[in-house]
Amino acid sequence: MATVRARAGVTFDRTLVYATAGYAHMEYSGYTQNAATRFADSSGIDGWTYGLGLEYAVTDRIHVGAEARWAEFDSTVMQYDVPYTVSPDTFQALLRVSFKLGGK
């Protein structure tokens, strides 16, 4: 899955609270199988993503953050042994630590 997102928020002292949203693309693959045959298919599916996050500056060079992000994708018909409609959604919970190198 790949995303291109914008992020906007407000700061309170050393804390940034933000919302994020944008475009998402997923490469989806799957299969069905009976006793003798495997029916596989794959497809690129477009959608959108959105989320909320929080970032805190522990020092001027060390930041910690957390983000919750959802993505919803368009429905597509996969060609297995019988046509099957998929409409995938994802959820990600992210924790991060950032270190700024060099400069001021």
N, C-alpha and C. Protein backbone atom coordinates (compact mmCIF):
# COMPACT_ATOMS: atom_id res chain seq x y z
N MET A 1 0.84 -1.17 0.00
CA MET A 1 0.00 0.00 0.00
C MET A 1 0.89 1.23 0.00
N ALA A 2 0.51 2.23 -0.76
CA ALA A 2 1.23 3.50 -0.82
C ALA A 2 0.23 4.63 -0.64
N THR A 3 0.67 5.70 0.02
CA THR A 3 -0.20 6.85 0.22
C THR A 3 0.55 8.14 -0.10
N VAL A 4 -0.20 9.15 -0.50
CA VAL A 4 0.28 10.53 -0.63
C VAL A 4 -0.70 11.35 0.20
N ARG A 5 -0.18 11.98 1.27
CA ARG A 5 -1.07 12.64 2.22
C ARG A 5 -0.61 14.05 2.53
N ALA A 6 -1.57 14.87 2.94
CA ALA A 6 -1.29 16.19 3.51
C ALA A 6 -1.53 16.08 5.01
N ARG A 7 -0.85 16.95 5.76
CA ARG A 7 -1.00 16.95 7.21
C ARG A 7 -1.15 18.39 7.67
N ALA A 8 -2.15 18.65 8.52
CA ALA A 8 -2.37 20.00 9.05
C ALA A 8 -2.76 19.88 10.52
N GLY A 9 -2.27 20.81 11.32
CA GLY A 9 -2.58 20.72 12.74
C GLY A 9 -2.30 22.00 13.48
N VAL A 10 -2.38 21.90 14.79
CA VAL A 10 -2.11 23.03 15.68
C VAL A 10 -1.11 22.59 16.73
N THR A 11 -0.33 23.57 17.22
CA THR A 11 0.66 23.27 18.25
C THR A 11 0.24 23.90 19.57
N PHE A 12 0.59 23.22 20.63
CA PHE A 12 0.41 23.68 22.00
C PHE A 12 1.75 23.46 22.69
N ASP A 13 2.52 24.53 22.88
CA ASP A 13 3.85 24.44 23.46
C ASP A 13 4.70 23.49 22.62
N ARG A 14 5.03 22.30 23.09
CA ARG A 14 5.89 21.35 22.37
C ARG A 14 5.10 20.21 21.73
N THR A 15 3.78 20.34 21.67
CA THR A 15 2.90 19.28 21.17
C THR A 15 2.21 19.71 19.89
N LEU A 16 2.21 18.83 18.89
CA LEU A 16 1.49 19.03 17.64
C LEU A 16 0.36 18.01 17.57
N VAL A 17 -0.85 18.49 17.38
CA VAL A 17 -2.02 17.63 17.14
C VAL A 17 -2.44 17.88 15.70
N TYR A 18 -2.60 16.81 14.92
CA TYR A 18 -2.85 17.00 13.49
C TYR A 18 -3.84 15.99 12.92
N ALA A 19 -4.37 16.35 11.76
CA ALA A 19 -5.18 15.45 10.94
C ALA A 19 -4.43 15.25 9.63
N THR A 20 -4.62 14.10 9.02
CA THR A 20 -3.97 13.79 7.76
C THR A 20 -4.99 13.15 6.82
N ALA A 21 -4.85 13.40 5.53
CA ALA A 21 -5.76 12.81 4.54
C ALA A 21 -5.10 12.83 3.18
N GLY A 22 -5.52 11.91 2.31
CA GLY A 22 -4.97 11.90 0.96
C GLY A 22 -5.34 10.65 0.17
N TYR A 23 -4.58 10.41 -0.88
CA TYR A 23 -4.77 9.33 -1.84
C TYR A 23 -4.08 8.05 -1.35
N ALA A 24 -4.69 6.91 -1.62
CA ALA A 24 -4.09 5.61 -1.28
C ALA A 24 -4.19 4.67 -2.49
N HIS A 25 -3.20 3.82 -2.63
CA HIS A 25 -3.20 2.80 -3.69
C HIS A 25 -2.75 1.48 -3.06
N MET A 26 -3.43 0.40 -3.43
CA MET A 26 -3.10 -0.92 -2.88
C MET A 26 -2.98 -1.93 -4.00
N GLU A 27 -1.99 -2.79 -3.92
CA GLU A 27 -1.90 -3.95 -4.80
C GLU A 27 -2.52 -5.12 -4.04
N TYR A 28 -3.62 -5.63 -4.55
CA TYR A 28 -4.40 -6.66 -3.88
C TYR A 28 -4.28 -7.97 -4.65
N SER A 29 -4.04 -9.06 -3.96
CA SER A 29 -4.00 -10.36 -4.62
C SER A 29 -4.64 -11.42 -3.72
N GLY A 30 -5.15 -12.44 -4.35
CA GLY A 30 -5.78 -13.52 -3.60
C GLY A 30 -6.06 -14.70 -4.51
N TYR A 31 -6.64 -15.73 -3.92
CA TYR A 31 -6.96 -16.92 -4.71
C TYR A 31 -8.06 -17.73 -4.03
N THR A 32 -8.70 -18.56 -4.82
CA THR A 32 -9.56 -19.62 -4.31
C THR A 32 -9.00 -20.92 -4.85
N GLN A 33 -9.34 -22.00 -4.22
CA GLN A 33 -8.78 -23.28 -4.64
C GLN A 33 -9.77 -24.39 -4.37
N ASN A 34 -9.90 -25.28 -5.38
CA ASN A 34 -10.66 -26.50 -5.13
C ASN A 34 -9.64 -27.64 -5.09
N ALA A 35 -10.08 -28.86 -5.11
CA ALA A 35 -9.15 -29.99 -4.95
C ALA A 35 -8.08 -30.04 -6.03
N ALA A 36 -8.38 -29.58 -7.24
CA ALA A 36 -7.43 -29.74 -8.34
C ALA A 36 -6.85 -28.44 -8.87
N THR A 37 -7.52 -27.32 -8.68
CA THR A 37 -7.13 -26.09 -9.36
C THR A 37 -7.07 -24.91 -8.40
N ARG A 38 -6.07 -24.06 -8.61
CA ARG A 38 -5.96 -22.81 -7.87
C ARG A 38 -6.29 -21.66 -8.82
N PHE A 39 -7.22 -20.78 -8.43
CA PHE A 39 -7.64 -19.64 -9.23
C PHE A 39 -7.13 -18.37 -8.57
N ALA A 40 -6.11 -17.75 -9.17
CA ALA A 40 -5.49 -16.56 -8.58
C ALA A 40 -5.80 -15.32 -9.42
N ASP A 41 -5.80 -14.16 -8.75
CA ASP A 41 -5.98 -12.88 -9.43
C ASP A 41 -5.33 -11.80 -8.58
N SER A 42 -4.93 -10.71 -9.23
CA SER A 42 -4.40 -9.55 -8.51
C SER A 42 -4.86 -8.29 -9.22
N SER A 43 -4.89 -7.18 -8.47
CA SER A 43 -5.39 -5.94 -9.04
C SER A 43 -4.85 -4.76 -8.24
N GLY A 44 -4.64 -3.64 -8.91
CA GLY A 44 -4.33 -2.39 -8.22
C GLY A 44 -5.64 -1.69 -7.90
N ILE A 45 -5.81 -1.25 -6.66
CA ILE A 45 -7.06 -0.63 -6.23
C ILE A 45 -6.74 0.75 -5.64
N ASP A 46 -7.49 1.76 -6.08
CA ASP A 46 -7.31 3.12 -5.57
C ASP A 46 -8.31 3.40 -4.46
N GLY A 47 -7.96 4.37 -3.61
CA GLY A 47 -8.86 4.76 -2.53
C GLY A 47 -8.37 6.03 -1.86
N TRP A 48 -8.76 6.21 -0.61
CA TRP A 48 -8.33 7.38 0.12
C TRP A 48 -7.99 6.99 1.55
N THR A 49 -7.22 7.83 2.20
CA THR A 49 -6.77 7.57 3.56
C THR A 49 -6.97 8.81 4.42
N TYR A 50 -7.18 8.61 5.70
CA TYR A 50 -7.37 9.71 6.64
C TYR A 50 -6.92 9.25 8.03
N GLY A 51 -6.58 10.20 8.89
CA GLY A 51 -6.15 9.83 10.22
C GLY A 51 -5.93 11.02 11.13
N LEU A 52 -5.54 10.70 12.36
CA LEU A 52 -5.24 11.68 13.39
C LEU A 52 -3.91 11.33 14.02
N GLY A 53 -3.18 12.35 14.46
CA GLY A 53 -1.88 12.08 15.06
C GLY A 53 -1.53 13.10 16.13
N LEU A 54 -0.47 12.75 16.86
CA LEU A 54 0.05 13.56 17.94
C LEU A 54 1.56 13.44 17.92
N GLU A 55 2.26 14.56 18.00
CA GLU A 55 3.73 14.54 18.02
C GLU A 55 4.19 15.46 19.15
N TYR A 56 5.19 15.00 19.89
CA TYR A 56 5.70 15.76 21.03
C TYR A 56 7.21 15.92 20.90
N ALA A 57 7.69 17.16 21.06
CA ALA A 57 9.13 17.44 21.00
C ALA A 57 9.71 17.25 22.40
N VAL A 58 10.35 16.10 22.62
CA VAL A 58 11.00 15.82 23.89
C VAL A 58 12.14 16.82 24.11
N THR A 59 12.95 17.00 23.07
CA THR A 59 13.98 18.03 23.02
C THR A 59 13.88 18.68 21.64
N ASP A 60 14.76 19.63 21.35
CA ASP A 60 14.74 20.23 20.01
C ASP A 60 15.12 19.22 18.93
N ARG A 61 15.78 18.13 19.29
CA ARG A 61 16.23 17.14 18.30
C ARG A 61 15.53 15.79 18.37
N ILE A 62 14.76 15.55 19.41
CA ILE A 62 14.08 14.25 19.57
C ILE A 62 12.58 14.48 19.69
N HIS A 63 11.84 13.84 18.78
CA HIS A 63 10.38 13.93 18.79
C HIS A 63 9.81 12.51 18.87
N VAL A 64 8.69 12.37 19.59
CA VAL A 64 7.97 11.10 19.64
C VAL A 64 6.55 11.36 19.13
N GLY A 65 5.95 10.35 18.54
CA GLY A 65 4.62 10.57 18.00
C GLY A 65 3.82 9.29 17.88
N ALA A 66 2.52 9.47 17.69
CA ALA A 66 1.60 8.36 17.47
C ALA A 66 0.58 8.81 16.43
N GLU A 67 0.14 7.86 15.61
CA GLU A 67 -0.83 8.18 14.57
C GLU A 67 -1.76 6.99 14.38
N ALA A 68 -3.04 7.28 14.18
CA ALA A 68 -4.03 6.28 13.80
C ALA A 68 -4.48 6.64 12.39
N ARG A 69 -4.41 5.65 11.48
CA ARG A 69 -4.70 5.94 10.07
C ARG A 69 -5.59 4.85 9.48
N TRP A 70 -6.62 5.27 8.77
CA TRP A 70 -7.54 4.38 8.08
C TRP A 70 -7.40 4.58 6.58
N ALA A 71 -7.69 3.54 5.81
CA ALA A 71 -7.73 3.65 4.35
C ALA A 71 -8.93 2.85 3.85
N GLU A 72 -9.64 3.43 2.92
CA GLU A 72 -10.79 2.78 2.30
C GLU A 72 -10.56 2.74 0.80
N PHE A 73 -10.79 1.58 0.20
CA PHE A 73 -10.50 1.37 -1.21
C PHE A 73 -11.76 1.08 -2.00
N ASP A 74 -11.72 1.41 -3.29
CA ASP A 74 -12.83 1.15 -4.19
C ASP A 74 -13.09 -0.35 -4.29
N SER A 75 -14.32 -0.71 -4.61
CA SER A 75 -14.65 -2.11 -4.87
C SER A 75 -14.10 -2.52 -6.22
N THR A 76 -13.66 -3.76 -6.31
CA THR A 76 -13.21 -4.31 -7.59
C THR A 76 -13.61 -5.77 -7.65
N VAL A 77 -13.82 -6.27 -8.85
CA VAL A 77 -14.22 -7.67 -9.04
C VAL A 77 -12.98 -8.49 -9.36
N MET A 78 -12.70 -9.47 -8.52
CA MET A 78 -11.59 -10.39 -8.74
C MET A 78 -12.11 -11.60 -9.52
N GLN A 79 -11.30 -12.08 -10.45
CA GLN A 79 -11.72 -13.18 -11.32
C GLN A 79 -11.14 -14.50 -10.80
N TYR A 80 -11.78 -15.04 -9.77
CA TYR A 80 -11.39 -16.35 -9.26
C TYR A 80 -12.18 -17.40 -10.04
N ASP A 81 -12.49 -18.54 -9.43
CA ASP A 81 -13.30 -19.54 -10.12
C ASP A 81 -14.69 -18.97 -10.44
N VAL A 82 -15.17 -18.07 -9.61
CA VAL A 82 -16.36 -17.27 -9.88
C VAL A 82 -15.99 -15.82 -9.56
N PRO A 83 -16.57 -14.84 -10.24
CA PRO A 83 -16.25 -13.44 -9.92
C PRO A 83 -16.58 -13.15 -8.46
N TYR A 84 -15.71 -12.41 -7.80
CA TYR A 84 -15.85 -12.11 -6.38
C TYR A 84 -15.49 -10.64 -6.16
N THR A 85 -16.39 -9.87 -5.56
CA THR A 85 -16.15 -8.44 -5.31
C THR A 85 -15.43 -8.25 -3.98
N VAL A 86 -14.34 -7.48 -4.02
CA VAL A 86 -13.61 -7.13 -2.80
C VAL A 86 -13.65 -5.61 -2.63
N SER A 87 -13.67 -5.18 -1.40
CA SER A 87 -13.66 -3.76 -1.06
C SER A 87 -12.83 -3.61 0.22
N PRO A 88 -11.50 -3.66 0.09
CA PRO A 88 -10.66 -3.71 1.29
C PRO A 88 -10.60 -2.38 2.03
N ASP A 89 -10.49 -2.46 3.34
CA ASP A 89 -10.24 -1.33 4.23
C ASP A 89 -9.07 -1.71 5.13
N THR A 90 -8.28 -0.73 5.54
CA THR A 90 -7.17 -1.01 6.44
C THR A 90 -7.16 -0.04 7.60
N PHE A 91 -6.52 -0.45 8.68
CA PHE A 91 -6.27 0.41 9.84
C PHE A 91 -4.82 0.21 10.26
N GLN A 92 -4.14 1.32 10.55
CA GLN A 92 -2.75 1.26 11.03
C GLN A 92 -2.64 2.11 12.28
N ALA A 93 -1.94 1.59 13.28
CA ALA A 93 -1.58 2.36 14.47
C ALA A 93 -0.06 2.45 14.45
N LEU A 94 0.46 3.69 14.42
CA LEU A 94 1.90 3.90 14.28
C LEU A 94 2.45 4.62 15.50
N LEU A 95 3.62 4.18 15.95
CA LEU A 95 4.39 4.88 16.97
C LEU A 95 5.74 5.20 16.35
N ARG A 96 6.27 6.39 16.64
CA ARG A 96 7.55 6.73 16.02
C ARG A 96 8.41 7.59 16.95
N VAL A 97 9.71 7.51 16.74
CA VAL A 97 10.68 8.36 17.38
C VAL A 97 11.51 8.98 16.25
N SER A 98 11.66 10.31 16.24
CA SER A 98 12.42 11.00 15.21
C SER A 98 13.62 11.69 15.84
N PHE A 99 14.75 11.60 15.15
CA PHE A 99 15.98 12.26 15.59
C PHE A 99 16.40 13.23 14.50
N LYS A 100 16.61 14.49 14.86
CA LYS A 100 17.08 15.49 13.89
C LYS A 100 18.60 15.49 13.94
N LEU A 101 19.21 15.39 12.76
CA LEU A 101 20.66 15.38 12.65
C LEU A 101 21.15 16.71 12.11
N GLY A 102 22.28 17.21 12.62
CA GLY A 102 22.91 18.42 12.09
C GLY A 102 22.05 19.66 12.18
N GLY A 103 22.59 20.78 11.76
CA GLY A 103 21.84 22.04 11.71
C GLY A 103 21.39 22.52 13.06
N LYS A 104 20.58 23.55 13.02
CA LYS A 104 20.03 24.09 14.27
C LYS A 104 18.55 23.97 14.31
